[in-house]
Protein backbone atom coordinates (compact mmCIF):
# COMPACT_ATOMS: atom_id res chain seq x y z
CA MET A 1 -0.07 -0.13 0.02
CA LYS A 2 1.42 3.83 -1.31
CA PRO A 3 1.72 5.73 2.02
CA VAL A 4 -0.80 7.54 3.73
CA PHE A 5 -0.29 11.17 4.65
CA LEU A 6 -2.22 12.97 7.30
CA ILE A 7 -2.26 16.74 6.77
CA GLY A 8 -3.79 19.58 8.78
CA TYR A 9 -3.57 22.43 10.69
CA MET A 10 -1.46 21.36 14.54
CA GLY A 11 -4.24 20.10 16.99
CA CYS A 12 -6.17 19.08 14.56
CA GLY A 13 -6.03 15.29 15.43
CA LYS A 14 -2.81 14.03 13.19
CA THR A 15 -0.93 11.73 15.69
CA THR A 16 -3.95 10.53 17.73
CA LEU A 17 -6.23 9.72 14.71
CA GLY A 18 -2.87 8.51 12.83
CA GLU A 19 -1.72 6.11 15.22
CA VAL A 20 -5.00 3.93 15.47
CA LEU A 21 -5.30 4.50 11.95
CA ALA A 22 -2.01 2.78 11.24
CA ARG A 23 -2.45 0.03 13.97
CA GLN A 24 -6.27 -0.99 12.51
CA MET A 25 -4.59 -1.10 9.02
CA GLN A 26 -1.37 -2.77 10.36
CA CYS A 27 0.82 0.09 8.75
CA ARG A 28 3.42 1.58 10.45
CA PHE A 29 2.94 4.73 12.09
CA ILE A 30 5.03 7.37 11.10
CA ASP A 31 4.79 11.15 12.88
CA LEU A 32 6.75 13.19 10.57
CA ASP A 33 8.13 15.65 13.18
CA ASP A 34 9.30 12.53 15.45
CA PHE A 35 11.36 11.41 12.77
CA ILE A 36 12.94 14.46 12.14
CA GLU A 37 13.94 14.85 15.76
CA ALA A 38 14.80 11.34 16.22
CA ARG A 39 17.54 12.01 13.28
CA GLN A 40 18.78 15.25 14.79
CA GLY A 41 18.93 14.20 18.47
CA MET A 42 16.83 17.30 19.19
CA SER A 43 13.66 18.70 19.63
CA ILE A 44 11.30 20.39 16.88
CA VAL A 45 11.49 23.61 19.10
CA ARG A 46 15.46 23.48 19.58
CA ILE A 47 15.54 22.70 15.85
CA PHE A 48 13.69 25.77 15.39
CA ASP A 49 15.44 27.47 18.32
CA GLU A 50 19.13 26.79 17.61
CA MET A 51 19.07 26.30 13.27
CA GLY A 52 15.83 28.27 12.62
CA GLU A 53 12.69 27.88 10.43
CA ASN A 54 14.44 27.62 6.94
CA ARG A 55 17.18 24.77 8.08
CA PHE A 56 14.35 22.96 9.67
CA ARG A 57 11.76 23.05 6.67
CA GLU A 58 14.86 21.59 4.64
CA LEU A 59 15.11 18.82 7.44
CA GLU A 60 11.23 18.08 6.97
CA THR A 61 12.16 18.03 2.92
CA GLU A 62 14.71 15.30 3.09
CA ALA A 63 12.48 13.45 5.78
CA LEU A 64 9.02 13.58 3.32
CA ARG A 65 11.38 12.44 0.44
CA GLU A 66 12.49 9.78 2.70
CA VAL A 67 8.73 8.47 4.05
CA ALA A 68 7.19 8.68 0.27
CA VAL A 69 9.16 6.06 -0.97
CA MET A 70 7.58 3.24 2.09
CA GLN A 71 4.97 1.05 1.73
CA ASP A 72 2.22 0.44 4.18
CA VAL A 73 3.12 3.52 6.40
CA VAL A 74 0.70 6.24 7.42
CA VAL A 75 2.50 9.45 8.25
CA SER A 76 1.45 12.80 9.89
CA CYS A 77 2.75 15.60 8.79
CA GLY A 78 3.63 19.04 10.34
CA GLY A 79 0.97 21.44 10.41
CA GLY A 80 2.93 23.60 7.68
CA THR A 81 4.42 20.33 6.06
CA PRO A 82 1.92 21.06 2.73
CA CYS A 83 2.62 24.82 2.37
CA HIS A 84 6.35 24.33 1.71
CA GLY A 85 8.22 23.94 -1.75
CA ASP A 86 6.63 21.01 -3.87
CA HIS A 87 5.34 18.56 -0.56
CA MET A 88 1.83 18.82 -1.67
CA ALA A 89 2.31 17.47 -5.61
CA LEU A 90 4.92 15.01 -3.70
CA MET A 91 2.94 13.67 -1.53
CA ASN A 92 0.10 13.41 -4.05
CA GLN A 93 2.04 11.77 -6.33
CA ALA A 94 3.52 9.20 -3.88
CA GLY A 95 0.34 8.30 -1.76
CA ILE A 96 -3.11 9.63 -0.30
CA THR A 97 -3.54 12.99 0.99
CA VAL A 98 -5.95 13.25 3.62
CA TRP A 99 -6.77 16.94 5.24
CA LEU A 100 -7.79 16.29 9.14
CA THR A 101 -10.31 19.18 9.56
CA THR A 102 -12.30 20.09 12.43
CA SER A 103 -12.96 24.01 14.05
CA PRO A 104 -10.43 26.18 15.23
CA ASP A 105 -12.27 26.13 18.52
CA CYS A 106 -11.51 22.59 18.92
CA ILE A 107 -8.28 22.70 17.78
CA THR A 108 -7.33 25.43 20.06
CA ALA A 109 -8.90 23.63 22.85
CA ARG A 110 -6.83 20.88 22.10
CA LEU A 111 -3.82 23.14 21.59
CA LEU A 112 -3.88 24.82 24.96
CA LEU A 113 -3.71 21.52 27.02
CA PRO A 114 -0.35 22.46 28.81
CA GLU A 115 1.52 19.04 27.39
CA GLN A 116 0.57 20.09 23.77
CA LYS A 117 1.72 23.93 24.13
CA ALA A 118 4.85 23.00 25.52
CA LYS A 119 5.89 21.32 22.42
CA ARG A 120 4.41 23.64 19.88
CA PRO A 121 7.24 26.28 18.21
CA LYS A 122 4.35 28.29 17.10
CA ILE A 123 2.75 29.21 20.32
CA VAL A 124 4.73 28.09 23.25
CA ASN A 125 5.32 31.59 24.51
CA LEU A 126 1.74 33.07 23.46
CA PRO A 127 -0.71 34.21 26.42
CA ASP A 128 -3.67 31.79 26.03
CA GLU A 129 -6.18 34.21 24.39
CA ALA A 130 -3.73 34.65 21.57
CA VAL A 131 -3.65 31.35 19.94
CA LEU A 132 -7.57 31.08 18.24
CA PRO A 133 -6.21 34.04 16.45
CA LEU A 134 -3.36 32.67 15.50
CA VAL A 135 -5.43 29.56 14.28
CA GLU A 136 -8.16 31.56 12.67
CA LYS A 137 -5.69 33.36 10.54
CA GLU A 138 -3.03 30.51 9.61
CA LEU A 139 -5.71 28.11 9.21
CA GLN A 140 -7.26 30.59 6.26
CA ALA A 141 -3.59 31.14 4.89
CA ARG A 142 -2.99 27.32 4.65
CA SER A 143 -6.47 26.11 3.42
CA PRO A 144 -5.31 26.66 -0.27
CA TYR A 145 -2.52 24.05 0.47
CA TYR A 146 -4.21 21.57 2.38
CA SER A 147 -7.29 21.89 -0.04
CA GLN A 148 -4.71 20.16 -2.46
CA SER A 149 -5.51 16.94 -0.49
CA GLN A 150 -7.15 14.15 -2.36
CA ILE A 151 -9.67 13.15 0.47
CA GLN A 152 -10.85 15.86 3.42
CA PHE A 153 -12.06 13.90 6.51
CA ASP A 154 -13.64 15.62 10.12
CA SER A 155 -11.46 14.88 12.74
CA THR A 156 -13.57 16.39 15.66
CA ASP A 157 -14.51 13.21 17.15
CA ILE A 158 -11.57 11.71 18.61
CA GLU A 159 -11.75 12.80 22.21
CA THR A 160 -12.17 9.09 23.71
CA ALA A 161 -10.38 6.04 22.72
CA ALA A 162 -13.75 4.75 21.55
CA ALA A 163 -14.30 7.50 19.51
CA THR A 164 -11.01 7.68 18.10
CA CYS A 165 -11.28 3.95 16.63
CA ARG A 166 -14.72 4.40 15.34
CA THR A 167 -13.23 7.75 13.64
CA ALA A 168 -10.13 5.70 12.32
CA ARG A 169 -12.70 3.07 10.98
CA ARG A 170 -14.42 5.36 9.23
CA LEU A 171 -11.36 7.11 7.68
CA ALA A 172 -10.03 3.44 6.95
CA ALA A 173 -13.28 2.21 5.00
CA LEU A 174 -13.18 5.60 2.92
CA LEU A 175 -9.37 4.57 1.96
CA GLY A 176 -10.75 1.28 1.21
CA GLN A 177 -9.69 -0.83 4.13
CA ASP A 178 -12.25 -3.55 4.90
CA LEU A 179 -11.44 -4.01 8.44
CA PRO A 180 -13.40 -6.51 11.10
CA PHE A 181 -15.10 -4.03 13.81
CA SER A 182 -12.75 -3.63 17.08
CA GLU A 183 -12.19 -1.12 19.13
CA LYS A 184 -8.55 -1.93 20.16
């Protein structure tokens, strides 16, 4: 099976849903940011701080090209991944792209969880009240890139393990995977 690339704004559920989807589809799950961190031996926040966003984007392109040739993988891309270089064309050619969507309010609530905010370079130092306006502004700016995806899928219902399993099953069905029912 060609790679499945999950795209969308940070906090839309790419990792949460992607891990369950990969397990249900019996594929390997790759979080592109984790993949880059493992290769560099440092966090994304530290890469941004020490190397800058331009170098991060170069590392991201290298990592994306590497995973694009893999088989039987579900890849959770960074929120900005589709918006740089020829990333959308590369992903659309190499596999299936899925834009995970949910409301700006839902995204903001997820991002404001302390463990989430701490690992997001764009919001880690922002006051909480500045996050929703940023989400709304960036969603609007990124929509032309995200809309190039082959599938658009609502990822709102992933707040519990059971809901995430049901949502992953719906997505797997869209991807043509006939899976037996499982709440694992």
